[in-house]
Amino acid sequence: MTSARGQAAKFAPYLAPPALALGSLLAAAGISMAPPAAGPLAAVFPPWWDGREAMVAAASAGDIVRFGLLPCIVIVAPDGAGAAERLRRAGAWAVLDPRVLGACGHP
């Protein structure tokens, strides 16, 4: 009878390529969605936050442009340097470039 450790070692060579591919995909997505140096930002707040709560938090970084597809995504026109960090401190899970997110792009 083969142990669980033996079974895992048997499949390890087959798991490495998909794991590397997934890691590369996530890294590329993270780089392409990074917040821009200038222009609007898309702040993604927890999904259980309502629009008002997300809007109040996002206002700490600049003017509210509009909401994204969900009320927990707020497009912000930053009012200066450090806006992305202020959004994160206000509760944003992620601060992204809204132009990369097709549905959240600015008008």
PDB file of N, CA and C in Angstrom:
ATOM      1  N   MET A   1       0.830  -1.176   0.000  1.00  0.00           N
ATOM      2  CA  MET A   1       0.000   0.000   0.000  1.00  0.00           C
ATOM      3  C   MET A   1       0.880   1.246   0.000  1.00  0.00           C
ATOM      4  N   THR A   2       0.532   2.222  -0.819  1.00  0.00           N
ATOM      5  CA  THR A   2       1.326   3.437  -0.969  1.00  0.00           C
ATOM      6  C   THR A   2       0.839   4.488   0.018  1.00  0.00           C
ATOM      7  N   SER A   3       1.794   5.176   0.642  1.00  0.00           N
ATOM      8  CA  SER A   3       1.425   6.219   1.608  1.00  0.00           C
ATOM      9  C   SER A   3       0.959   7.475   0.874  1.00  0.00           C
ATOM     10  N   ALA A   4       0.322   8.348   1.635  1.00  0.00           N
ATOM     11  CA  ALA A   4      -0.140   9.612   1.060  1.00  0.00           C
ATOM     12  C   ALA A   4       1.035  10.442   0.560  1.00  0.00           C
ATOM     13  N   ARG A   5       2.137  10.414   1.287  1.00  0.00           N
ATOM     14  CA  ARG A   5       3.327  11.163   0.875  1.00  0.00           C
ATOM     15  C   ARG A   5       3.867  10.611  -0.448  1.00  0.00           C
ATOM     16  N   GLY A   6       3.830   9.315  -0.600  1.00  0.00           N
ATOM     17  CA  GLY A   6       4.271   8.690  -1.838  1.00  0.00           C
ATOM     18  C   GLY A   6       3.385   9.070  -3.012  1.00  0.00           C
ATOM     19  N   GLN A   7       2.088   9.146  -2.785  1.00  0.00           N
ATOM     20  CA  GLN A   7       1.145   9.548  -3.828  1.00  0.00           C
ATOM     21  C   GLN A   7       1.384  10.992  -4.241  1.00  0.00           C
ATOM     22  N   ALA A   8       1.619  11.874  -3.265  1.00  0.00           N
ATOM     23  CA  ALA A   8       1.865  13.275  -3.579  1.00  0.00           C
ATOM     24  C   ALA A   8       3.147  13.429  -4.379  1.00  0.00           C
ATOM     25  N   ALA A   9       4.193  12.719  -4.006  1.00  0.00           N
ATOM     26  CA  ALA A   9       5.466  12.793  -4.731  1.00  0.00           C
ATOM     27  C   ALA A   9       5.297  12.290  -6.163  1.00  0.00           C
ATOM     28  N   LYS A  10       4.422  11.340  -6.358  1.00  0.00           N
ATOM     29  CA  LYS A  10       4.183  10.764  -7.681  1.00  0.00           C
ATOM     30  C   LYS A  10       3.577  11.800  -8.632  1.00  0.00           C
ATOM     31  N   PHE A  11       2.732  12.695  -8.116  1.00  0.00           N
ATOM     32  CA  PHE A  11       2.049  13.689  -8.948  1.00  0.00           C
ATOM     33  C   PHE A  11       2.746  15.044  -8.974  1.00  0.00           C
ATOM     34  N   ALA A  12       3.756  15.263  -8.170  1.00  0.00           N
ATOM     35  CA  ALA A  12       4.437  16.558  -8.085  1.00  0.00           C
ATOM     36  C   ALA A  12       4.947  17.061  -9.433  1.00  0.00           C
ATOM     37  N   PRO A  13       5.583  16.242 -10.267  1.00  0.00           N
ATOM     38  CA  PRO A  13       6.072  16.763 -11.552  1.00  0.00           C
ATOM     39  C   PRO A  13       4.949  17.276 -12.458  1.00  0.00           C
ATOM     40  N   TYR A  14       3.748  16.763 -12.286  1.00  0.00           N
ATOM     41  CA  TYR A  14       2.633  17.189 -13.126  1.00  0.00           C
ATOM     42  C   TYR A  14       1.963  18.454 -12.599  1.00  0.00           C
ATOM     43  N   LEU A  15       2.190  18.788 -11.345  1.00  0.00           N
ATOM     44  CA  LEU A  15       1.571  19.972 -10.751  1.00  0.00           C
ATOM     45  C   LEU A  15       2.412  21.228 -10.939  1.00  0.00           C
ATOM     46  N   ALA A  16       3.707  21.081 -11.141  1.00  0.00           N
ATOM     47  CA  ALA A  16       4.594  22.245 -11.263  1.00  0.00           C
ATOM     48  C   ALA A  16       4.241  23.138 -12.461  1.00  0.00           C
ATOM     49  N   PRO A  17       4.074  22.612 -13.683  1.00  0.00           N
ATOM     50  CA  PRO A  17       3.769  23.507 -14.814  1.00  0.00           C
ATOM     51  C   PRO A  17       2.470  24.311 -14.639  1.00  0.00           C
ATOM     52  N   PRO A  18       1.346  23.686 -14.211  1.00  0.00           N
ATOM     53  CA  PRO A  18       0.144  24.505 -14.014  1.00  0.00           C
ATOM     54  C   PRO A  18       0.328  25.548 -12.905  1.00  0.00           C
ATOM     55  N   ALA A  19       1.068  25.211 -11.860  1.00  0.00           N
ATOM     56  CA  ALA A  19       1.298  26.175 -10.782  1.00  0.00           C
ATOM     57  C   ALA A  19       2.119  27.357 -11.279  1.00  0.00           C
ATOM     58  N   LEU A  20       3.144  27.099 -12.083  1.00  0.00           N
ATOM     59  CA  LEU A  20       3.946  28.182 -12.655  1.00  0.00           C
ATOM     60  C   LEU A  20       3.125  29.046 -13.608  1.00  0.00           C
ATOM     61  N   ALA A  21       2.283  28.418 -14.411  1.00  0.00           N
ATOM     62  CA  ALA A  21       1.438  29.172 -15.340  1.00  0.00           C
ATOM     63  C   ALA A  21       0.468  30.072 -14.586  1.00  0.00           C
ATOM     64  N   LEU A  22      -0.152  29.550 -13.539  1.00  0.00           N
ATOM     65  CA  LEU A  22      -1.078  30.338 -12.749  1.00  0.00           C
ATOM     66  C   LEU A  22      -0.353  31.501 -12.069  1.00  0.00           C
ATOM     67  N   GLY A  23       0.820  31.242 -11.520  1.00  0.00           N
ATOM     68  CA  GLY A  23       1.594  32.302 -10.885  1.00  0.00           C
ATOM     69  C   GLY A  23       1.967  33.399 -11.867  1.00  0.00           C
ATOM     70  N   SER A  24       2.362  33.025 -13.077  1.00  0.00           N
ATOM     71  CA  SER A  24       2.703  34.003 -14.115  1.00  0.00           C
ATOM     72  C   SER A  24       1.488  34.831 -14.514  1.00  0.00           C
ATOM     73  N   LEU A  25       0.345  34.183 -14.646  1.00  0.00           N
ATOM     74  CA  LEU A  25      -0.885  34.882 -15.006  1.00  0.00           C
ATOM     75  C   LEU A  25      -1.266  35.901 -13.938  1.00  0.00           C
ATOM     76  N   LEU A  26      -1.191  35.508 -12.677  1.00  0.00           N
ATOM     77  CA  LEU A  26      -1.529  36.426 -11.591  1.00  0.00           C
ATOM     78  C   LEU A  26      -0.558  37.598 -11.529  1.00  0.00           C
ATOM     79  N   ALA A  27       0.722  37.345 -11.755  1.00  0.00           N
ATOM     80  CA  ALA A  27       1.716  38.423 -11.746  1.00  0.00           C
ATOM     81  C   ALA A  27       1.452  39.408 -12.881  1.00  0.00           C
ATOM     82  N   ALA A  28       1.164  38.899 -14.075  1.00  0.00           N
ATOM     83  CA  ALA A  28       0.881  39.769 -15.216  1.00  0.00           C
ATOM     84  C   ALA A  28      -0.383  40.598 -14.978  1.00  0.00           C
ATOM     85  N   ALA A  29      -1.400  39.981 -14.416  1.00  0.00           N
ATOM     86  CA  ALA A  29      -2.637  40.713 -14.118  1.00  0.00           C
ATOM     87  C   ALA A  29      -2.388  41.798 -13.084  1.00  0.00           C
ATOM     88  N   GLY A  30      -1.593  41.494 -12.085  1.00  0.00           N
ATOM     89  CA  GLY A  30      -1.289  42.481 -11.057  1.00  0.00           C
ATOM     90  C   GLY A  30      -0.534  43.671 -11.602  1.00  0.00           C
ATOM     91  N   ILE A  31       0.385  43.424 -12.519  1.00  0.00           N
ATOM     92  CA  ILE A  31       1.159  44.516 -13.114  1.00  0.00           C
ATOM     93  C   ILE A  31       0.276  45.368 -14.016  1.00  0.00           C
ATOM     94  N   SER A  32      -0.550  44.744 -14.838  1.00  0.00           N
ATOM     95  CA  SER A  32      -1.355  45.506 -15.785  1.00  0.00           C
ATOM     96  C   SER A  32      -2.484  46.272 -15.109  1.00  0.00           C
ATOM     97  N   MET A  33      -2.922  45.836 -13.941  1.00  0.00           N
ATOM     98  CA  MET A  33      -4.013  46.525 -13.252  1.00  0.00           C
ATOM     99  C   MET A  33      -3.524  47.488 -12.181  1.00  0.00           C
ATOM    100  N   ALA A  34      -2.224  47.669 -12.076  1.00  0.00           N
ATOM    101  CA  ALA A  34      -1.679  48.568 -11.058  1.00  0.00           C
ATOM    102  C   ALA A  34      -2.253  49.968 -11.256  1.00  0.00           C
ATOM    103  N   PRO A  35      -2.436  50.702 -10.173  1.00  0.00           N
ATOM    104  CA  PRO A  35      -3.004  52.040 -10.311  1.00  0.00           C
ATOM    105  C   PRO A  35      -2.084  52.940 -11.135  1.00  0.00           C
ATOM    106  N   PRO A  36      -2.655  53.785 -11.977  1.00  0.00           N
ATOM    107  CA  PRO A  36      -1.840  54.666 -12.802  1.00  0.00           C
ATOM    108  C   PRO A  36      -1.183  55.770 -11.966  1.00  0.00           C
ATOM    109  N   ALA A  37      -0.098  56.333 -12.504  1.00  0.00           N
ATOM    110  CA  ALA A  37       0.580  57.433 -11.813  1.00  0.00           C
ATOM    111  C   ALA A  37      -0.284  58.693 -11.828  1.00  0.00           C
ATOM    112  N   ALA A  38      -1.099  58.831 -12.861  1.00  0.00           N
ATOM    113  CA  ALA A  38      -2.001  59.989 -12.960  1.00  0.00           C
ATOM    114  C   ALA A  38      -3.319  59.511 -13.546  1.00  0.00           C
ATOM    115  N   GLY A  39      -4.380  60.207 -13.217  1.00  0.00           N
ATOM    116  CA  GLY A  39      -5.687  59.851 -13.743  1.00  0.00           C
ATOM    117  C   GLY A  39      -6.550  59.161 -12.700  1.00  0.00           C
ATOM    118  N   PRO A  40      -7.723  58.713 -13.117  1.00  0.00           N
ATOM    119  CA  PRO A  40      -8.677  58.124 -12.176  1.00  0.00           C
ATOM    120  C   PRO A  40      -8.200  56.787 -11.611  1.00  0.00           C
ATOM    121  N   LEU A  41      -8.749  56.458 -10.458  1.00  0.00           N
ATOM    122  CA  LEU A  41      -8.459  55.206  -9.772  1.00  0.00           C
ATOM    123  C   LEU A  41      -9.778  54.468  -9.523  1.00  0.00           C
ATOM    124  N   ALA A  42      -9.727  53.148  -9.581  1.00  0.00           N
ATOM    125  CA  ALA A  42     -10.880  52.322  -9.217  1.00  0.00           C
ATOM    126  C   ALA A  42     -10.572  51.697  -7.864  1.00  0.00           C
ATOM    127  N   ALA A  43     -11.345  52.067  -6.864  1.00  0.00           N
ATOM    128  CA  ALA A  43     -11.170  51.526  -5.514  1.00  0.00           C
ATOM    129  C   ALA A  43     -12.192  50.416  -5.305  1.00  0.00           C
ATOM    130  N   VAL A  44     -11.707  49.238  -4.947  1.00  0.00           N
ATOM    131  CA  VAL A  44     -12.577  48.080  -4.719  1.00  0.00           C
ATOM    132  C   VAL A  44     -12.673  47.859  -3.216  1.00  0.00           C
ATOM    133  N   PHE A  45     -13.858  48.104  -2.684  1.00  0.00           N
ATOM    134  CA  PHE A  45     -14.112  47.948  -1.254  1.00  0.00           C
ATOM    135  C   PHE A  45     -14.773  46.597  -0.995  1.00  0.00           C
ATOM    136  N   PRO A  46     -14.863  46.175   0.261  1.00  0.00           N
ATOM    137  CA  PRO A  46     -15.508  44.883   0.554  1.00  0.00           C
ATOM    138  C   PRO A  46     -16.914  44.813  -0.051  1.00  0.00           C
ATOM    139  N   PRO A  47     -17.298  43.681  -0.599  1.00  0.00           N
ATOM    140  CA  PRO A  47     -18.582  43.572  -1.294  1.00  0.00           C
ATOM    141  C   PRO A  47     -19.799  43.761  -0.404  1.00  0.00           C
ATOM    142  N   TRP A  48     -19.651  43.626   0.887  1.00  0.00           N
ATOM    143  CA  TRP A  48     -20.814  43.819   1.767  1.00  0.00           C
ATOM    144  C   TRP A  48     -21.014  45.292   2.114  1.00  0.00           C
ATOM    145  N   TRP A  49     -20.098  46.165   1.699  1.00  0.00           N
ATOM    146  CA  TRP A  49     -20.289  47.598   1.912  1.00  0.00           C
ATOM    147  C   TRP A  49     -21.342  48.101   0.932  1.00  0.00           C
ATOM    148  N   ASP A  50     -22.226  48.970   1.402  1.00  0.00           N
ATOM    149  CA  ASP A  50     -23.184  49.568   0.479  1.00  0.00           C
ATOM    150  C   ASP A  50     -22.524  50.763  -0.212  1.00  0.00           C
ATOM    151  N   GLY A  51     -23.207  51.325  -1.186  1.00  0.00           N
ATOM    152  CA  GLY A  51     -22.647  52.427  -1.965  1.00  0.00           C
ATOM    153  C   GLY A  51     -22.282  53.638  -1.129  1.00  0.00           C
ATOM    154  N   ARG A  52     -23.080  53.943  -0.133  1.00  0.00           N
ATOM    155  CA  ARG A  52     -22.812  55.112   0.697  1.00  0.00           C
ATOM    156  C   ARG A  52     -21.522  54.927   1.490  1.00  0.00           C
ATOM    157  N   GLU A  53     -21.359  53.765   2.082  1.00  0.00           N
ATOM    158  CA  GLU A  53     -20.169  53.482   2.880  1.00  0.00           C
ATOM    159  C   GLU A  53     -18.909  53.530   2.012  1.00  0.00           C
ATOM    160  N   ALA A  54     -18.980  52.952   0.814  1.00  0.00           N
ATOM    161  CA  ALA A  54     -17.839  52.974  -0.102  1.00  0.00           C
ATOM    162  C   ALA A  54     -17.548  54.385  -0.572  1.00  0.00           C
ATOM    163  N   MET A  55     -18.596  55.161  -0.833  1.00  0.00           N
ATOM    164  CA  MET A  55     -18.425  56.533  -1.300  1.00  0.00           C
ATOM    165  C   MET A  55     -17.762  57.403  -0.229  1.00  0.00           C
ATOM    166  N   VAL A  56     -18.183  57.264   1.003  1.00  0.00           N
ATOM    167  CA  VAL A  56     -17.592  58.046   2.093  1.00  0.00           C
ATOM    168  C   VAL A  56     -16.114  57.700   2.245  1.00  0.00           C
ATOM    169  N   ALA A  57     -15.786  56.429   2.176  1.00  0.00           N
ATOM    170  CA  ALA A  57     -14.387  56.005   2.305  1.00  0.00           C
ATOM    171  C   ALA A  57     -13.563  56.518   1.120  1.00  0.00           C
ATOM    172  N   ALA A  58     -14.104  56.433  -0.079  1.00  0.00           N
ATOM    173  CA  ALA A  58     -13.372  56.852  -1.273  1.00  0.00           C
ATOM    174  C   ALA A  58     -13.153  58.360  -1.315  1.00  0.00           C
ATOM    175  N   ALA A  59     -14.044  59.115  -0.723  1.00  0.00           N
ATOM    176  CA  ALA A  59     -13.925  60.576  -0.735  1.00  0.00           C
ATOM    177  C   ALA A  59     -12.668  61.059  -0.010  1.00  0.00           C
ATOM    178  N   SER A  60     -12.055  60.202   0.788  1.00  0.00           N
ATOM    179  CA  SER A  60     -10.825  60.584   1.492  1.00  0.00           C
ATOM    180  C   SER A  60      -9.654  60.768   0.530  1.00  0.00           C
ATOM    181  N   ALA A  61      -9.803  60.303  -0.722  1.00  0.00           N
ATOM    182  CA  ALA A  61      -8.693  60.368  -1.673  1.00  0.00           C
ATOM    183  C   ALA A  61      -8.952  61.313  -2.841  1.00  0.00           C
ATOM    184  N   GLY A  62     -10.155  61.847  -2.945  1.00  0.00           N
ATOM    185  CA  GLY A  62     -10.444  62.753  -4.051  1.00  0.00           C
ATOM    186  C   GLY A  62     -11.920  62.805  -4.368  1.00  0.00           C
ATOM    187  N   ASP A  63     -12.216  63.359  -5.534  1.00  0.00           N
ATOM    188  CA  ASP A  63     -13.603  63.498  -5.970  1.00  0.00           C
ATOM    189  C   ASP A  63     -14.128  62.175  -6.525  1.00  0.00           C
ATOM    190  N   ILE A  64     -15.371  61.865  -6.192  1.00  0.00           N
ATOM    191  CA  ILE A  64     -16.030  60.661  -6.699  1.00  0.00           C
ATOM    192  C   ILE A  64     -16.465  60.940  -8.133  1.00  0.00           C
ATOM    193  N   VAL A  65     -16.060  60.076  -9.054  1.00  0.00           N
ATOM    194  CA  VAL A  65     -16.464  60.216 -10.452  1.00  0.00           C
ATOM    195  C   VAL A  65     -17.765  59.455 -10.672  1.00  0.00           C
ATOM    196  N   ARG A  66     -17.786  58.193 -10.262  1.00  0.00           N
ATOM    197  CA  ARG A  66     -18.990  57.356 -10.374  1.00  0.00           C
ATOM    198  C   ARG A  66     -18.706  56.009  -9.736  1.00  0.00           C
ATOM    199  N   PHE A  67     -19.713  55.154  -9.743  1.00  0.00           N
ATOM    200  CA  PHE A  67     -19.558  53.788  -9.257  1.00  0.00           C
ATOM    201  C   PHE A  67     -19.199  52.874 -10.426  1.00  0.00           C
ATOM    202  N   GLY A  68     -18.597  51.729 -10.108  1.00  0.00           N
ATOM    203  CA  GLY A  68     -18.314  50.706 -11.103  1.00  0.00           C
ATOM    204  C   GLY A  68     -19.538  49.832 -11.282  1.00  0.00           C
ATOM    205  N   LEU A  69     -19.323  48.592 -11.713  1.00  0.00           N
ATOM    206  CA  LEU A  69     -20.445  47.670 -11.914  1.00  0.00           C
ATOM    207  C   LEU A  69     -21.194  47.383 -10.621  1.00  0.00           C
ATOM    208  N   LEU A  70     -20.478  47.384  -9.503  1.00  0.00           N
ATOM    209  CA  LEU A  70     -21.068  47.126  -8.194  1.00  0.00           C
ATOM    210  C   LEU A  70     -20.903  48.366  -7.325  1.00  0.00           C
ATOM    211  N   PRO A  71     -21.777  48.560  -6.346  1.00  0.00           N
ATOM    212  CA  PRO A  71     -21.655  49.736  -5.485  1.00  0.00           C
ATOM    213  C   PRO A  71     -20.392  49.742  -4.623  1.00  0.00           C
ATOM    214  N   CYS A  72     -19.717  48.614  -4.527  1.00  0.00           N
ATOM    215  CA  CYS A  72     -18.489  48.560  -3.734  1.00  0.00           C
ATOM    216  C   CYS A  72     -17.257  48.962  -4.552  1.00  0.00           C
ATOM    217  N   ILE A  73     -17.446  49.300  -5.837  1.00  0.00           N
ATOM    218  CA  ILE A  73     -16.355  49.789  -6.691  1.00  0.00           C
ATOM    219  C   ILE A  73     -16.625  51.261  -6.982  1.00  0.00           C
ATOM    220  N   VAL A  74     -15.674  52.107  -6.602  1.00  0.00           N
ATOM    221  CA  VAL A  74     -15.846  53.544  -6.765  1.00  0.00           C
ATOM    222  C   VAL A  74     -14.694  54.084  -7.606  1.00  0.00           C
ATOM    223  N   ILE A  75     -15.032  54.859  -8.651  1.00  0.00           N
ATOM    224  CA  ILE A  75     -14.033  55.510  -9.487  1.00  0.00           C
ATOM    225  C   ILE A  75     -13.782  56.890  -8.887  1.00  0.00           C
ATOM    226  N   VAL A  76     -12.510  57.168  -8.631  1.00  0.00           N
ATOM    227  CA  VAL A  76     -12.121  58.395  -7.927  1.00  0.00           C
ATOM    228  C   VAL A  76     -11.143  59.195  -8.782  1.00  0.00           C
ATOM    229  N   ALA A  77     -11.322  60.511  -8.816  1.00  0.00           N
ATOM    230  CA  ALA A  77     -10.337  61.424  -9.399  1.00  0.00           C
ATOM    231  C   ALA A  77      -9.457  61.869  -8.236  1.00  0.00           C
ATOM    232  N   PRO A  78      -8.225  61.354  -8.142  1.00  0.00           N
ATOM    233  CA  PRO A  78      -7.388  61.632  -6.969  1.00  0.00           C
ATOM    234  C   PRO A  78      -7.051  63.109  -6.835  1.00  0.00           C
ATOM    235  N   ASP A  79      -6.939  63.555  -5.588  1.00  0.00           N
ATOM    236  CA  ASP A  79      -6.645  64.963  -5.319  1.00  0.00           C
ATOM    237  C   ASP A  79      -5.172  65.204  -4.998  1.00  0.00           C
ATOM    238  N   GLY A  80      -4.304  64.302  -5.396  1.00  0.00           N
ATOM    239  CA  GLY A  80      -2.873  64.496  -5.172  1.00  0.00           C
ATOM    240  C   GLY A  80      -2.154  63.183  -4.958  1.00  0.00           C
ATOM    241  N   ALA A  81      -0.876  63.317  -4.652  1.00  0.00           N
ATOM    242  CA  ALA A  81      -0.041  62.134  -4.441  1.00  0.00           C
ATOM    243  C   ALA A  81      -0.522  61.355  -3.219  1.00  0.00           C
ATOM    244  N   GLY A  82      -0.338  60.057  -3.254  1.00  0.00           N
ATOM    245  CA  GLY A  82      -0.696  59.214  -2.121  1.00  0.00           C
ATOM    246  C   GLY A  82      -2.157  58.818  -2.061  1.00  0.00           C
ATOM    247  N   ALA A  83      -2.909  59.085  -3.122  1.00  0.00           N
ATOM    248  CA  ALA A  83      -4.348  58.770  -3.111  1.00  0.00           C
ATOM    249  C   ALA A  83      -4.587  57.265  -2.996  1.00  0.00           C
ATOM    250  N   ALA A  84      -3.788  56.463  -3.687  1.00  0.00           N
ATOM    251  CA  ALA A  84      -3.972  55.007  -3.628  1.00  0.00           C
ATOM    252  C   ALA A  84      -3.768  54.500  -2.201  1.00  0.00           C
ATOM    253  N   GLU A  85      -2.767  55.017  -1.532  1.00  0.00           N
ATOM    254  CA  GLU A  85      -2.520  54.597  -0.141  1.00  0.00           C
ATOM    255  C   GLU A  85      -3.648  55.063   0.779  1.00  0.00           C
ATOM    256  N   ARG A  86      -4.175  56.259   0.566  1.00  0.00           N
ATOM    257  CA  ARG A  86      -5.308  56.743   1.384  1.00  0.00           C
ATOM    258  C   ARG A  86      -6.533  55.861   1.180  1.00  0.00           C
ATOM    259  N   LEU A  87      -6.751  55.416  -0.056  1.00  0.00           N
ATOM    260  CA  LEU A  87      -7.885  54.521  -0.324  1.00  0.00           C
ATOM    261  C   LEU A  87      -7.707  53.193   0.408  1.00  0.00           C
ATOM    262  N   ARG A  88      -6.492  52.678   0.394  1.00  0.00           N
ATOM    263  CA  ARG A  88      -6.244  51.405   1.111  1.00  0.00           C
ATOM    264  C   ARG A  88      -6.456  51.580   2.610  1.00  0.00           C
ATOM    265  N   ARG A  89      -5.987  52.686   3.164  1.00  0.00           N
ATOM    266  CA  ARG A  89      -6.196  52.938   4.601  1.00  0.00           C
ATOM    267  C   ARG A  89      -7.671  53.119   4.929  1.00  0.00           C
ATOM    268  N   ALA A  90      -8.449  53.608   3.962  1.00  0.00           N
ATOM    269  CA  ALA A  90      -9.887  53.812   4.174  1.00  0.00           C
ATOM    270  C   ALA A  90     -10.675  52.510   4.041  1.00  0.00           C
ATOM    271  N   GLY A  91      -9.999  51.420   3.635  1.00  0.00           N
ATOM    272  CA  GLY A  91     -10.678  50.127   3.574  1.00  0.00           C
ATOM    273  C   GLY A  91     -10.705  49.460   2.222  1.00  0.00           C
ATOM    274  N   ALA A  92     -10.133  50.081   1.188  1.00  0.00           N
ATOM    275  CA  ALA A  92     -10.136  49.468  -0.145  1.00  0.00           C
ATOM    276  C   ALA A  92      -9.291  48.206  -0.143  1.00  0.00           C
ATOM    277  N   TRP A  93      -9.841  47.152  -0.700  1.00  0.00           N
ATOM    278  CA  TRP A  93      -9.101  45.894  -0.838  1.00  0.00           C
ATOM    279  C   TRP A  93      -8.074  46.017  -1.946  1.00  0.00           C
ATOM    280  N   ALA A  94      -8.426  46.765  -2.995  1.00  0.00           N
ATOM    281  CA  ALA A  94      -7.532  46.929  -4.142  1.00  0.00           C
ATOM    282  C   ALA A  94      -7.759  48.306  -4.741  1.00  0.00           C
ATOM    283  N   VAL A  95      -6.695  48.864  -5.310  1.00  0.00           N
ATOM    284  CA  VAL A  95      -6.779  50.114  -6.056  1.00  0.00           C
ATOM    285  C   VAL A  95      -6.198  49.818  -7.430  1.00  0.00           C
ATOM    286  N   LEU A  96      -7.034  49.961  -8.456  1.00  0.00           N
ATOM    287  CA  LEU A  96      -6.680  49.523  -9.801  1.00  0.00           C
ATOM    288  C   LEU A  96      -6.841  50.646 -10.811  1.00  0.00           C
ATOM    289  N   ASP A  97      -6.325  50.403 -11.995  1.00  0.00           N
ATOM    290  CA  ASP A  97      -6.507  51.311 -13.120  1.00  0.00           C
ATOM    291  C   ASP A  97      -7.878  51.016 -13.727  1.00  0.00           C
ATOM    292  N   PRO A  98      -8.815  51.946 -13.677  1.00  0.00           N
ATOM    293  CA  PRO A  98     -10.169  51.662 -14.188  1.00  0.00           C
ATOM    294  C   PRO A  98     -10.212  51.459 -15.700  1.00  0.00           C
ATOM    295  N   ARG A  99      -9.212  51.955 -16.421  1.00  0.00           N
ATOM    296  CA  ARG A  99      -9.203  51.771 -17.877  1.00  0.00           C
ATOM    297  C   ARG A  99      -8.907  50.335 -18.254  1.00  0.00           C
ATOM    298  N   VAL A 100      -8.200  49.599 -17.388  1.00  0.00           N
ATOM    299  CA  VAL A 100      -7.916  48.178 -17.649  1.00  0.00           C
ATOM    300  C   VAL A 100      -9.170  47.356 -17.410  1.00  0.00           C
ATOM    301  N   LEU A 101      -9.959  47.754 -16.425  1.00  0.00           N
ATOM    302  CA  LEU A 101     -11.222  47.063 -16.131  1.00  0.00           C
ATOM    303  C   LEU A 101     -12.275  47.645 -17.072  1.00  0.00           C
ATOM    304  N   GLY A 102     -12.536  46.999 -18.156  1.00  0.00           N
ATOM    305  CA  GLY A 102     -13.420  47.528 -19.177  1.00  0.00           C
ATOM    306  C   GLY A 102     -14.734  48.100 -18.666  1.00  0.00           C
ATOM    307  N   ALA A 103     -15.373  47.423 -17.738  1.00  0.00           N
ATOM    308  CA  ALA A 103     -16.671  47.862 -17.238  1.00  0.00           C
ATOM    309  C   ALA A 103     -16.572  49.056 -16.320  1.00  0.00           C
ATOM    310  N   CYS A 104     -15.371  49.328 -15.797  1.00  0.00           N
ATOM    311  CA  CYS A 104     -15.207  50.424 -14.835  1.00  0.00           C
ATOM    312  C   CYS A 104     -14.501  51.614 -15.438  1.00  0.00           C
ATOM    313  N   GLY A 105     -14.229  51.588 -16.734  1.00  0.00           N
ATOM    314  CA  GLY A 105     -13.500  52.685 -17.371  1.00  0.00           C
ATOM    315  C   GLY A 105     -14.223  54.002 -17.236  1.00  0.00           C
ATOM    316  N   HIS A 106     -13.453  55.049 -17.226  1.00  0.00           N
ATOM    317  CA  HIS A 106     -14.081  56.373 -17.083  1.00  0.00           C
ATOM    318  C   HIS A 106     -14.663  56.810 -18.414  1.00  0.00           C
ATOM    319  N   PRO A 107     -15.670  57.676 -18.376  1.00  0.00           N
ATOM    320  CA  PRO A 107     -16.323  58.108 -19.623  1.00  0.00           C
ATOM    321  C   PRO A 107     -15.420  58.936 -20.500  1.00  0.00           C
TER     322      PRO A 107
END
